[in-house]
Amino acid sequence: MNDTHPTRHVLVLPDRDAAEEVAEALAERFGVTEEPQLVRDALAGEDDAEDAQWLVVVEDPDGTYDAARLDLLAAEYDGWREAE
């Protein structure tokens, strides 16, 4: 029986530039072929557009991307990874 569940990794970055650079690095370092989704995420209770984080959403249906390496990539840009 196959217990693999589709996985989505969400890399949380401090700004759009960092998110775009991480999206490019995903293709170079991980061979991600499907373009990651970039999403602006306003912090709860914040109205100021400057206080927005950017999310890079990476679909990983086969569970092939190394979570530890994704953590390191996000950390290079002052971000972190959340698994969904």
N, C-alpha and C. Protein backbone atom coordinates (compact mmCIF):
# COMPACT_ATOMS: atom_id res chain seq x y z
N MET A 1 0.84 -1.19 0.00
CA MET A 1 0.00 0.00 0.00
C MET A 1 0.88 1.25 0.00
N ASN A 2 0.52 2.22 -0.79
CA ASN A 2 1.30 3.44 -0.91
C ASN A 2 0.74 4.48 0.06
N ASP A 3 1.58 4.90 1.00
CA ASP A 3 1.15 5.87 2.01
C ASP A 3 1.57 7.30 1.68
N THR A 4 2.06 7.53 0.47
CA THR A 4 2.51 8.89 0.15
C THR A 4 1.30 9.79 -0.05
N HIS A 5 1.39 10.95 0.53
CA HIS A 5 0.34 11.95 0.40
C HIS A 5 0.91 13.12 -0.39
N PRO A 6 0.11 13.72 -1.24
CA PRO A 6 0.60 14.89 -1.95
C PRO A 6 1.06 15.95 -0.95
N THR A 7 2.16 16.58 -1.26
CA THR A 7 2.73 17.57 -0.36
C THR A 7 2.83 18.90 -1.07
N ARG A 8 2.64 19.92 -0.30
CA ARG A 8 2.85 21.27 -0.78
C ARG A 8 3.80 21.93 0.22
N HIS A 9 4.86 22.51 -0.31
CA HIS A 9 5.80 23.25 0.54
C HIS A 9 5.51 24.73 0.34
N VAL A 10 5.47 25.46 1.43
CA VAL A 10 5.26 26.90 1.36
C VAL A 10 6.49 27.55 1.95
N LEU A 11 7.21 28.29 1.10
CA LEU A 11 8.38 29.03 1.55
C LEU A 11 7.94 30.46 1.82
N VAL A 12 8.15 30.92 3.04
CA VAL A 12 7.71 32.24 3.45
C VAL A 12 8.91 33.18 3.39
N LEU A 13 8.79 34.23 2.57
CA LEU A 13 9.90 35.14 2.34
C LEU A 13 9.51 36.57 2.73
N PRO A 14 10.51 37.40 3.04
CA PRO A 14 10.22 38.74 3.54
C PRO A 14 9.73 39.72 2.48
N ASP A 15 10.06 39.49 1.20
CA ASP A 15 9.63 40.44 0.18
C ASP A 15 9.56 39.78 -1.19
N ARG A 16 9.04 40.52 -2.16
CA ARG A 16 8.83 39.96 -3.50
C ARG A 16 10.15 39.59 -4.18
N ASP A 17 11.17 40.42 -4.03
CA ASP A 17 12.45 40.13 -4.66
C ASP A 17 13.00 38.79 -4.19
N ALA A 18 12.94 38.57 -2.88
CA ALA A 18 13.41 37.30 -2.33
C ALA A 18 12.59 36.14 -2.87
N ALA A 19 11.28 36.32 -2.95
CA ALA A 19 10.40 35.26 -3.46
C ALA A 19 10.73 34.92 -4.90
N GLU A 20 10.96 35.94 -5.72
CA GLU A 20 11.29 35.69 -7.13
C GLU A 20 12.64 34.98 -7.26
N GLU A 21 13.62 35.37 -6.44
CA GLU A 21 14.93 34.72 -6.49
C GLU A 21 14.84 33.26 -6.04
N VAL A 22 14.04 33.00 -5.03
CA VAL A 22 13.86 31.63 -4.55
C VAL A 22 13.16 30.80 -5.63
N ALA A 23 12.17 31.36 -6.29
CA ALA A 23 11.47 30.63 -7.36
C ALA A 23 12.46 30.23 -8.46
N GLU A 24 13.38 31.13 -8.81
CA GLU A 24 14.40 30.80 -9.82
C GLU A 24 15.34 29.72 -9.30
N ALA A 25 15.75 29.84 -8.04
CA ALA A 25 16.68 28.88 -7.45
C ALA A 25 16.06 27.48 -7.37
N LEU A 26 14.75 27.40 -7.20
CA LEU A 26 14.08 26.10 -7.15
C LEU A 26 14.28 25.33 -8.45
N ALA A 27 14.20 26.02 -9.57
CA ALA A 27 14.41 25.36 -10.86
C ALA A 27 15.87 24.92 -11.00
N GLU A 28 16.79 25.80 -10.60
CA GLU A 28 18.22 25.50 -10.74
C GLU A 28 18.67 24.39 -9.79
N ARG A 29 18.30 24.47 -8.54
CA ARG A 29 18.82 23.55 -7.51
C ARG A 29 18.01 22.27 -7.35
N PHE A 30 16.71 22.36 -7.60
CA PHE A 30 15.84 21.21 -7.32
C PHE A 30 15.23 20.62 -8.58
N GLY A 31 15.40 21.29 -9.70
CA GLY A 31 14.82 20.80 -10.94
C GLY A 31 13.31 20.92 -10.97
N VAL A 32 12.77 21.89 -10.22
CA VAL A 32 11.33 22.10 -10.22
C VAL A 32 10.92 22.55 -11.62
N THR A 33 10.06 21.79 -12.25
CA THR A 33 9.67 22.11 -13.63
C THR A 33 8.39 22.94 -13.68
N GLU A 34 7.49 22.72 -12.74
CA GLU A 34 6.25 23.51 -12.70
C GLU A 34 6.56 24.80 -11.95
N GLU A 35 6.25 25.92 -12.58
CA GLU A 35 6.58 27.20 -11.96
C GLU A 35 5.88 27.35 -10.61
N PRO A 36 6.67 27.66 -9.56
CA PRO A 36 6.05 27.85 -8.24
C PRO A 36 5.10 29.05 -8.26
N GLN A 37 4.11 28.99 -7.41
CA GLN A 37 3.14 30.07 -7.30
C GLN A 37 3.66 31.09 -6.28
N LEU A 38 3.67 32.37 -6.66
CA LEU A 38 4.06 33.44 -5.75
C LEU A 38 2.80 34.13 -5.26
N VAL A 39 2.68 34.26 -3.93
CA VAL A 39 1.48 34.82 -3.34
C VAL A 39 1.87 35.87 -2.31
N ARG A 40 1.26 37.04 -2.39
CA ARG A 40 1.48 38.08 -1.39
C ARG A 40 0.58 37.78 -0.20
N ASP A 41 1.16 37.79 0.98
CA ASP A 41 0.41 37.43 2.19
C ASP A 41 0.54 38.57 3.20
N ALA A 42 -0.50 39.40 3.30
CA ALA A 42 -0.48 40.48 4.28
C ALA A 42 -0.56 39.87 5.68
N LEU A 43 0.25 40.40 6.56
CA LEU A 43 0.23 39.89 7.93
C LEU A 43 -1.09 40.25 8.60
N ALA A 44 -1.57 39.37 9.42
CA ALA A 44 -2.85 39.57 10.09
C ALA A 44 -2.86 40.90 10.85
N GLY A 45 -3.88 41.69 10.61
CA GLY A 45 -4.03 42.94 11.33
C GLY A 45 -3.21 44.08 10.78
N GLU A 46 -2.44 43.83 9.74
CA GLU A 46 -1.59 44.89 9.17
C GLU A 46 -2.24 45.45 7.92
N ASP A 47 -2.38 46.76 7.85
CA ASP A 47 -2.93 47.40 6.67
C ASP A 47 -1.84 47.90 5.74
N ASP A 48 -0.64 48.07 6.27
CA ASP A 48 0.47 48.62 5.50
C ASP A 48 1.01 47.59 4.52
N ALA A 49 1.03 47.94 3.25
CA ALA A 49 1.51 47.02 2.21
C ALA A 49 2.97 46.63 2.44
N GLU A 50 3.71 47.46 3.15
CA GLU A 50 5.12 47.14 3.42
C GLU A 50 5.24 45.94 4.36
N ASP A 51 4.20 45.65 5.11
CA ASP A 51 4.24 44.56 6.07
C ASP A 51 3.70 43.27 5.48
N ALA A 52 3.99 43.03 4.23
CA ALA A 52 3.50 41.81 3.58
C ALA A 52 4.65 40.83 3.41
N GLN A 53 4.35 39.57 3.62
CA GLN A 53 5.29 38.51 3.31
C GLN A 53 4.92 37.95 1.96
N TRP A 54 5.85 37.26 1.34
CA TRP A 54 5.58 36.60 0.07
C TRP A 54 5.75 35.12 0.26
N LEU A 55 4.83 34.36 -0.31
CA LEU A 55 4.86 32.91 -0.22
C LEU A 55 5.23 32.34 -1.58
N VAL A 56 6.12 31.36 -1.57
CA VAL A 56 6.43 30.61 -2.78
C VAL A 56 5.86 29.22 -2.53
N VAL A 57 4.84 28.85 -3.30
CA VAL A 57 4.15 27.59 -3.11
C VAL A 57 4.69 26.57 -4.12
N VAL A 58 5.23 25.47 -3.59
CA VAL A 58 5.82 24.43 -4.44
C VAL A 58 5.01 23.15 -4.28
N GLU A 59 4.42 22.71 -5.36
CA GLU A 59 3.68 21.44 -5.32
C GLU A 59 4.69 20.30 -5.40
N ASP A 60 4.52 19.31 -4.54
CA ASP A 60 5.45 18.17 -4.47
C ASP A 60 4.65 16.88 -4.31
N PRO A 61 3.84 16.52 -5.33
CA PRO A 61 2.92 15.39 -5.20
C PRO A 61 3.63 14.06 -4.93
N ASP A 62 4.87 13.91 -5.37
CA ASP A 62 5.58 12.65 -5.16
C ASP A 62 6.50 12.69 -3.95
N GLY A 63 6.54 13.83 -3.26
CA GLY A 63 7.41 13.95 -2.09
C GLY A 63 8.88 13.84 -2.42
N THR A 64 9.28 14.40 -3.56
CA THR A 64 10.66 14.23 -4.02
C THR A 64 11.61 15.33 -3.56
N TYR A 65 11.09 16.47 -3.11
CA TYR A 65 11.97 17.57 -2.73
C TYR A 65 12.39 17.42 -1.27
N ASP A 66 13.68 17.55 -1.04
CA ASP A 66 14.27 17.37 0.29
C ASP A 66 13.89 18.57 1.17
N ALA A 67 13.10 18.31 2.22
CA ALA A 67 12.62 19.37 3.10
C ALA A 67 13.77 20.13 3.75
N ALA A 68 14.82 19.43 4.14
CA ALA A 68 15.96 20.10 4.79
C ALA A 68 16.64 21.07 3.82
N ARG A 69 16.76 20.68 2.56
CA ARG A 69 17.37 21.56 1.56
C ARG A 69 16.46 22.76 1.27
N LEU A 70 15.15 22.53 1.28
CA LEU A 70 14.21 23.65 1.10
C LEU A 70 14.31 24.61 2.28
N ASP A 71 14.46 24.07 3.49
CA ASP A 71 14.64 24.91 4.68
C ASP A 71 15.86 25.81 4.52
N LEU A 72 16.97 25.21 4.06
CA LEU A 72 18.21 25.97 3.88
C LEU A 72 18.06 27.05 2.82
N LEU A 73 17.38 26.72 1.73
CA LEU A 73 17.17 27.70 0.67
C LEU A 73 16.37 28.89 1.20
N ALA A 74 15.28 28.62 1.89
CA ALA A 74 14.46 29.70 2.44
C ALA A 74 15.27 30.54 3.43
N ALA A 75 16.08 29.88 4.25
CA ALA A 75 16.88 30.58 5.26
C ALA A 75 17.90 31.52 4.61
N GLU A 76 18.40 31.15 3.43
CA GLU A 76 19.36 32.02 2.72
C GLU A 76 18.75 33.39 2.43
N TYR A 77 17.43 33.44 2.33
CA TYR A 77 16.72 34.68 2.00
C TYR A 77 15.90 35.18 3.20
N ASP A 78 16.34 34.82 4.41
CA ASP A 78 15.67 35.25 5.65
C ASP A 78 14.22 34.78 5.72
N GLY A 79 13.98 33.58 5.20
CA GLY A 79 12.64 33.02 5.25
C GLY A 79 12.64 31.66 5.92
N TRP A 80 11.52 30.97 5.78
CA TRP A 80 11.40 29.63 6.34
C TRP A 80 10.41 28.83 5.50
N ARG A 81 10.36 27.52 5.76
CA ARG A 81 9.48 26.62 5.02
C ARG A 81 8.39 26.10 5.94
N GLU A 82 7.19 26.01 5.38
CA GLU A 82 6.08 25.36 6.07
C GLU A 82 5.56 24.27 5.15
N ALA A 83 5.31 23.10 5.69
CA ALA A 83 4.74 22.01 4.89
C ALA A 83 3.23 22.02 5.08
N GLU A 84 2.50 21.74 4.02
CA GLU A 84 1.04 21.69 4.14
C GLU A 84 0.57 20.27 3.92
